[in-house]
Every structure is written in C-alpha cells, then in structure tokens.
N, C-alpha and C. Protein backbone atom coordinates (compact mmCIF):
# COMPACT_ATOMS: atom_id res chain seq x y z
N ASN A 1 18.82 -0.80 22.07
CA ASN A 1 20.15 -0.51 21.56
C ASN A 1 20.45 -1.43 20.40
N LEU A 2 20.71 -0.86 19.22
CA LEU A 2 20.95 -1.66 18.03
C LEU A 2 22.42 -1.69 17.62
N THR A 3 23.33 -1.26 18.48
CA THR A 3 24.75 -1.32 18.13
C THR A 3 25.24 -2.75 18.23
N GLY A 4 26.23 -3.09 17.41
CA GLY A 4 26.82 -4.42 17.46
C GLY A 4 25.94 -5.53 16.92
N GLN A 5 25.02 -5.22 16.03
CA GLN A 5 24.14 -6.23 15.46
C GLN A 5 24.95 -7.17 14.57
N ALA A 6 24.70 -8.47 14.66
CA ALA A 6 25.33 -9.45 13.79
C ALA A 6 24.66 -9.48 12.42
N ALA A 7 23.38 -9.08 12.36
CA ALA A 7 22.63 -9.05 11.11
C ALA A 7 21.53 -8.00 11.23
N CYS A 8 21.10 -7.49 10.10
CA CYS A 8 20.01 -6.53 10.08
C CYS A 8 18.69 -7.26 10.32
N VAL A 9 17.74 -6.57 10.90
CA VAL A 9 16.43 -7.14 11.23
C VAL A 9 15.45 -6.79 10.11
N GLN A 10 14.75 -7.80 9.61
CA GLN A 10 13.76 -7.61 8.55
C GLN A 10 12.56 -6.83 9.08
N CYS A 11 12.05 -5.90 8.31
CA CYS A 11 10.83 -5.19 8.73
C CYS A 11 9.68 -6.19 8.79
N PRO A 12 8.81 -6.07 9.79
CA PRO A 12 7.65 -6.96 9.86
C PRO A 12 6.62 -6.61 8.79
N ALA A 13 5.74 -7.55 8.51
CA ALA A 13 4.67 -7.31 7.54
C ALA A 13 3.87 -6.10 7.98
N GLY A 14 3.52 -5.24 7.03
CA GLY A 14 2.77 -4.03 7.33
C GLY A 14 3.66 -2.84 7.61
N GLU A 15 4.98 -3.04 7.58
CA GLU A 15 5.94 -1.96 7.77
C GLU A 15 6.99 -2.04 6.66
N PHE A 16 7.69 -0.94 6.43
CA PHE A 16 8.72 -0.92 5.40
C PHE A 16 9.79 0.11 5.74
N GLN A 17 10.91 0.03 5.04
CA GLN A 17 11.98 1.01 5.20
C GLN A 17 12.70 1.16 3.87
N PRO A 18 12.41 2.26 3.13
CA PRO A 18 13.02 2.45 1.82
C PRO A 18 14.46 2.98 1.85
N GLU A 19 14.91 3.45 2.99
CA GLU A 19 16.24 4.05 3.11
C GLU A 19 17.24 3.04 3.68
N ARG A 20 18.49 3.15 3.27
CA ARG A 20 19.56 2.32 3.83
C ARG A 20 20.03 2.90 5.15
N GLY A 21 20.51 2.05 6.05
CA GLY A 21 21.15 2.48 7.27
C GLY A 21 20.23 3.01 8.35
N GLN A 22 18.95 2.68 8.30
CA GLN A 22 17.99 3.18 9.29
C GLN A 22 17.92 2.25 10.50
N THR A 23 17.35 2.72 11.57
CA THR A 23 17.28 1.94 12.82
C THR A 23 15.87 1.46 13.15
N SER A 24 14.91 1.74 12.28
CA SER A 24 13.54 1.28 12.52
C SER A 24 12.79 1.24 11.19
N CYS A 25 11.62 0.67 11.24
CA CYS A 25 10.76 0.60 10.05
C CYS A 25 9.60 1.57 10.21
N ASP A 26 9.00 1.95 9.09
CA ASP A 26 7.84 2.84 9.08
C ASP A 26 6.58 2.02 8.82
N LEU A 27 5.48 2.46 9.40
CA LEU A 27 4.19 1.82 9.16
C LEU A 27 3.80 2.03 7.70
N CYS A 28 3.35 0.99 7.05
CA CYS A 28 2.93 1.09 5.66
C CYS A 28 1.76 2.06 5.56
N GLY A 29 1.83 2.98 4.63
CA GLY A 29 0.81 4.00 4.50
C GLY A 29 -0.46 3.51 3.84
N ALA A 30 -1.50 4.31 3.95
CA ALA A 30 -2.76 4.03 3.26
C ALA A 30 -2.51 4.10 1.76
N GLY A 31 -3.37 3.46 0.98
CA GLY A 31 -3.24 3.48 -0.47
C GLY A 31 -2.48 2.30 -1.02
N GLY A 32 -2.04 1.40 -0.15
CA GLY A 32 -1.29 0.23 -0.61
C GLY A 32 -1.05 -0.73 0.53
N TYR A 33 -0.03 -1.56 0.37
CA TYR A 33 0.31 -2.57 1.37
C TYR A 33 1.80 -2.87 1.29
N CYS A 34 2.32 -3.49 2.31
CA CYS A 34 3.74 -3.86 2.38
C CYS A 34 3.83 -5.35 2.67
N ASP A 35 4.09 -6.14 1.62
CA ASP A 35 4.20 -7.58 1.84
C ASP A 35 5.55 -8.14 1.46
N ASP A 36 6.37 -7.36 0.77
CA ASP A 36 7.69 -7.84 0.35
C ASP A 36 8.71 -6.78 0.73
N THR A 37 9.18 -6.83 1.95
CA THR A 37 10.05 -5.77 2.46
C THR A 37 11.43 -5.79 1.84
N GLU A 38 11.76 -6.81 1.03
CA GLU A 38 13.05 -6.82 0.34
C GLU A 38 12.95 -6.22 -1.05
N ASP A 39 11.76 -5.84 -1.48
CA ASP A 39 11.52 -5.27 -2.80
C ASP A 39 12.08 -3.85 -2.88
N CYS A 40 12.30 -3.38 -4.09
CA CYS A 40 12.76 -2.00 -4.29
C CYS A 40 11.77 -1.03 -3.66
N GLY A 41 12.25 0.05 -3.10
CA GLY A 41 11.38 1.02 -2.46
C GLY A 41 10.95 0.61 -1.07
N GLY A 42 11.55 -0.45 -0.55
CA GLY A 42 11.25 -0.86 0.81
C GLY A 42 10.05 -1.75 0.96
N GLY A 43 9.38 -2.09 -0.13
CA GLY A 43 8.29 -3.04 -0.05
C GLY A 43 6.90 -2.46 -0.15
N PHE A 44 6.73 -1.15 -0.32
CA PHE A 44 5.39 -0.58 -0.46
C PHE A 44 4.88 -0.83 -1.87
N THR A 45 3.68 -1.40 -1.98
CA THR A 45 3.03 -1.64 -3.27
C THR A 45 1.71 -0.89 -3.27
N PRO A 46 1.54 0.07 -4.19
CA PRO A 46 0.26 0.79 -4.23
C PRO A 46 -0.87 -0.11 -4.73
N CYS A 47 -2.07 0.14 -4.23
CA CYS A 47 -3.24 -0.57 -4.74
C CYS A 47 -3.40 -0.20 -6.22
N PRO A 48 -3.83 -1.15 -7.05
CA PRO A 48 -4.01 -0.84 -8.47
C PRO A 48 -5.19 0.09 -8.72
N ALA A 49 -5.20 0.72 -9.88
CA ALA A 49 -6.34 1.54 -10.29
C ALA A 49 -7.61 0.69 -10.17
N GLY A 50 -8.70 1.32 -9.76
CA GLY A 50 -9.96 0.61 -9.57
C GLY A 50 -10.14 0.09 -8.16
N SER A 51 -9.17 0.43 -7.29
CA SER A 51 -9.26 0.01 -5.90
C SER A 51 -8.66 1.08 -5.00
N TYR A 52 -8.79 0.88 -3.68
CA TYR A 52 -8.29 1.85 -2.70
C TYR A 52 -8.03 1.13 -1.38
N ASN A 53 -7.25 1.73 -0.50
CA ASN A 53 -7.03 1.20 0.85
C ASN A 53 -6.96 2.38 1.81
N GLU A 54 -7.92 2.47 2.71
CA GLU A 54 -8.00 3.58 3.66
C GLU A 54 -7.16 3.34 4.91
N LYS A 55 -6.67 2.12 5.13
CA LYS A 55 -5.99 1.76 6.37
C LYS A 55 -4.47 1.79 6.23
N THR A 56 -3.79 2.10 7.32
CA THR A 56 -2.33 2.02 7.37
C THR A 56 -1.93 0.67 7.97
N GLY A 57 -0.70 0.26 7.72
CA GLY A 57 -0.19 -0.98 8.30
C GLY A 57 -0.66 -2.24 7.61
N SER A 58 -1.14 -2.15 6.38
CA SER A 58 -1.64 -3.33 5.66
C SER A 58 -0.47 -4.15 5.11
N SER A 59 -0.65 -5.47 5.10
CA SER A 59 0.42 -6.35 4.66
C SER A 59 0.01 -7.31 3.55
N SER A 60 -1.13 -7.08 2.93
CA SER A 60 -1.63 -8.00 1.91
C SER A 60 -2.39 -7.24 0.83
N PRO A 61 -2.33 -7.72 -0.41
CA PRO A 61 -3.13 -7.09 -1.47
C PRO A 61 -4.62 -7.17 -1.19
N ASP A 62 -5.04 -8.07 -0.29
CA ASP A 62 -6.45 -8.18 0.08
C ASP A 62 -6.95 -6.91 0.77
N ALA A 63 -6.02 -6.06 1.24
CA ALA A 63 -6.40 -4.79 1.89
C ALA A 63 -6.95 -3.79 0.88
N CYS A 64 -6.65 -3.98 -0.40
CA CYS A 64 -7.15 -3.08 -1.44
C CYS A 64 -8.61 -3.43 -1.74
N GLN A 65 -9.50 -2.48 -1.48
CA GLN A 65 -10.93 -2.66 -1.69
C GLN A 65 -11.29 -2.24 -3.12
N GLN A 66 -12.10 -3.01 -3.79
CA GLN A 66 -12.52 -2.70 -5.15
C GLN A 66 -13.53 -1.55 -5.14
N CYS A 67 -13.46 -0.69 -6.15
CA CYS A 67 -14.48 0.35 -6.29
C CYS A 67 -15.84 -0.33 -6.46
N PRO A 68 -16.90 0.28 -5.92
CA PRO A 68 -18.23 -0.32 -6.04
C PRO A 68 -18.68 -0.44 -7.50
N VAL A 69 -19.62 -1.34 -7.74
CA VAL A 69 -20.19 -1.52 -9.07
C VAL A 69 -20.76 -0.20 -9.55
N GLY A 70 -20.53 0.11 -10.82
CA GLY A 70 -21.04 1.35 -11.40
C GLY A 70 -20.09 2.53 -11.23
N THR A 71 -18.90 2.26 -10.65
CA THR A 71 -17.89 3.31 -10.48
C THR A 71 -16.55 2.83 -10.99
N SER A 72 -15.61 3.75 -11.13
CA SER A 72 -14.25 3.41 -11.53
C SER A 72 -13.29 4.46 -10.99
N SER A 73 -12.01 4.11 -10.98
CA SER A 73 -10.98 5.06 -10.55
C SER A 73 -9.70 4.76 -11.32
N PRO A 74 -9.16 5.76 -12.02
CA PRO A 74 -7.91 5.55 -12.76
C PRO A 74 -6.66 5.70 -11.88
N ILE A 75 -6.86 5.97 -10.59
CA ILE A 75 -5.74 6.32 -9.71
C ILE A 75 -5.20 5.09 -8.98
N ALA A 76 -3.92 4.80 -9.16
CA ALA A 76 -3.25 3.76 -8.38
C ALA A 76 -2.84 4.37 -7.04
N GLY A 77 -2.91 3.60 -5.97
CA GLY A 77 -2.52 4.09 -4.65
C GLY A 77 -3.56 4.97 -3.99
N ALA A 78 -4.81 4.83 -4.39
CA ALA A 78 -5.88 5.66 -3.82
C ALA A 78 -6.10 5.32 -2.34
N VAL A 79 -6.36 6.34 -1.53
CA VAL A 79 -6.52 6.17 -0.08
C VAL A 79 -7.98 6.28 0.37
N SER A 80 -8.90 6.44 -0.58
CA SER A 80 -10.30 6.63 -0.20
C SER A 80 -11.22 6.18 -1.33
N SER A 81 -12.41 5.74 -0.96
CA SER A 81 -13.42 5.36 -1.96
C SER A 81 -13.92 6.59 -2.71
N GLU A 82 -13.59 7.78 -2.21
CA GLU A 82 -14.01 9.01 -2.89
C GLU A 82 -13.37 9.15 -4.27
N THR A 83 -12.30 8.37 -4.54
CA THR A 83 -11.69 8.40 -5.87
C THR A 83 -12.51 7.59 -6.87
N CYS A 84 -13.44 6.77 -6.40
CA CYS A 84 -14.28 5.96 -7.27
C CYS A 84 -15.45 6.82 -7.74
N ALA A 85 -15.43 7.19 -8.99
CA ALA A 85 -16.46 8.08 -9.55
C ALA A 85 -17.46 7.27 -10.37
N SER A 86 -18.70 7.73 -10.38
CA SER A 86 -19.75 7.08 -11.17
C SER A 86 -19.36 7.05 -12.63
N CYS A 87 -19.68 5.94 -13.29
CA CYS A 87 -19.42 5.84 -14.72
C CYS A 87 -20.30 6.83 -15.47
N ARG A 88 -19.74 7.44 -16.50
CA ARG A 88 -20.47 8.43 -17.30
C ARG A 88 -21.55 7.74 -18.13
N ALA A 89 -22.50 8.54 -18.57
CA ALA A 89 -23.54 8.03 -19.47
C ALA A 89 -22.87 7.42 -20.70
N GLY A 90 -23.36 6.29 -21.14
CA GLY A 90 -22.80 5.61 -22.31
C GLY A 90 -21.69 4.64 -21.93
N THR A 91 -21.37 4.54 -20.63
CA THR A 91 -20.36 3.58 -20.15
C THR A 91 -20.93 2.79 -18.98
N PHE A 92 -20.23 1.74 -18.59
CA PHE A 92 -20.64 0.99 -17.40
C PHE A 92 -19.40 0.41 -16.74
N GLY A 93 -19.54 -0.03 -15.50
CA GLY A 93 -18.39 -0.63 -14.80
C GLY A 93 -18.81 -1.39 -13.59
C-alpha cells in the first residue's frame, strides 16, 4: 500500500519510470542501461552506436558490449550483436 507516503521512492538501479504519478518502476529494457533515475526520460540511456546490450535490468554503461573487431553498427540502443555488420571492402574497424 503506497497511500500516505511522506516522500516518493527512488527507482532502484536497473529500473526506471518515465511517467509522473506512477506506483512502481519498470525494468530497464535491452539496448541500454538505467543508472540515473532522476534524468529526463526516467533514466534510460541507450548504448552508443558501435555497441549493444542484449540484457534487461542493466544499471551501468559497462553492460553495453562493443561490436567485435572488423564490424560496426551505426545504431544507438541496439539490442543484439546482429546489428554489428562486417566492414565493407576498402574500410576497417
């Protein structure tokens, strides 16, 4: 029962809540992490381009895995290594 609260409860690491007036937090989705729950958007930060995160509930940028050598990905917030494509002929990565 959350009625009569003296203060709002901070979402734990790995969870976020982007909406006002809610009664619970949501598990941080794949493709990023939730480490600053006071940030705009409830604290979800997408992994940068060139990386991905397949797991939910992550609370650190360390959860973002780098694309393997010889591949790249222009997509921020990628949820799978399948976004890491081999570099084209004439390029490297």
